[in-house]
Amino acid sequence: MTRLLSTTIAGSLPKPSWLADPAHQLAAPWVAPPEGLSEAIHDAVRLALLDQESVGIDIVTDGEQARRHYIWAFLEGLTGIDTNTTTAKLTRGERATLQNVARVVGDVARPSAVMVEALRFAQAHTRRPVKVALPGPMTLVDSTVDEYYGADPKTLAFRWAKLLNAEARALADAGASVIQFDEPCFTAFPDEVEVWGIEALEAAAAGVSCKTAVHICYSYGIPAVTEWKARNTKWDQYTAILPLLAKSSIQQVSVECAASRVDISVLAHVRDMDVLLGVIDVGTEVVETPELVAARIRAALAYVSPERLYPCTDCGLVPRSRAAALGKLWALAEGAAIARRELP
């Protein structure tokens, strides 16, 4: 049984410089030599777990230390995908970001489990519940170029959902506490969310035996995104999306409320779901004070019960320095502790 206001993170933590090139943020090439890469990854995972445990994070992840890229990590376990010869693509709709994306070059299949071995390693090095994040179907459509099927986005999304569902079921059977589908594209394409996005997400989560979550943010805290946030004036995407999710079979929703200017009252739409509340801004090196984190939690408690509120990071911490990330984890845990002591 988890305690009230249990803390967790969106998924990723920065990688040590002896594992991956710190000059790259979201697709950092390995610097560890091939013959020592597996050992280096395992060491990094142990450190990521220790960092989370040492400050008091309740539901942990492996920090995505084995993932060169949060989307490619899943794609690299499939056939028919090229993550080496990528192509540039404008992604994320109106907040267009030019990304190097993987290419669909043949029939895509999942010959075996992709992330189960990594989950089992993490479980062997912690006694805390372990969450695993997978890319969501809509985000996979937006973050790849289809050079093989020539299908429409909805058809492609359901193809991805079938593969994701097989992986999610395997991870749940292996003991994952939560399977989280990362869907930053939900805020980029809210109209498509209603037409087919929720349906594809539910297909990806169907029959999964552990808790299922969807992470809906405004993308990583990288310069292009923080610049867009600074000039953006429209923050009503959650108003359209959350009522739809409230009617779905997904059990948890992870939302960005620290760096965005989202009206916190929108959480009333999902008061019957578990809410992973983003109270840590991942777009800055500035470490929040525990008091600021507690204030953000208090604001959300007006709309979500403490039994359903899980203080969290806005998004992944991979773009941040290791020192800032550890400080933010500490502020998250300490801020939650302050808010917890204030509960009746």
Foldseek 3Di string as FASTA:
>chain_A
DDDFQAAEAQAAAAFDCQAFPLVDFAQTDGPPDPVCNVVSLLVRLLVQVCLLVVLRHFEYESNCSVPSHQAVLVVVQKPQKAPPPFDWDFFLAPLTDTDGAIERRDDIDHPDARCQVVVVSNVVNDVHAYEEEYAALQVNLRRYHYPDDPDDSLVSSLVVLQRLLVNLQVNLVSPHQEYEHECQSCLSCVVVCVVRVLVSRCSSPPPRPHAYEYEHAPDALDPSSLVCQVPDDDDCSLLSNLLVVLPHPHAEYEAADQSHPHDLLSCLSNQVHQYAYAQAELNDLDADALQSSLVSVVVNCVRHPSVRYHHYHRHHNRSYDNVSSSSNSSSSSSNSVVNSVPDD
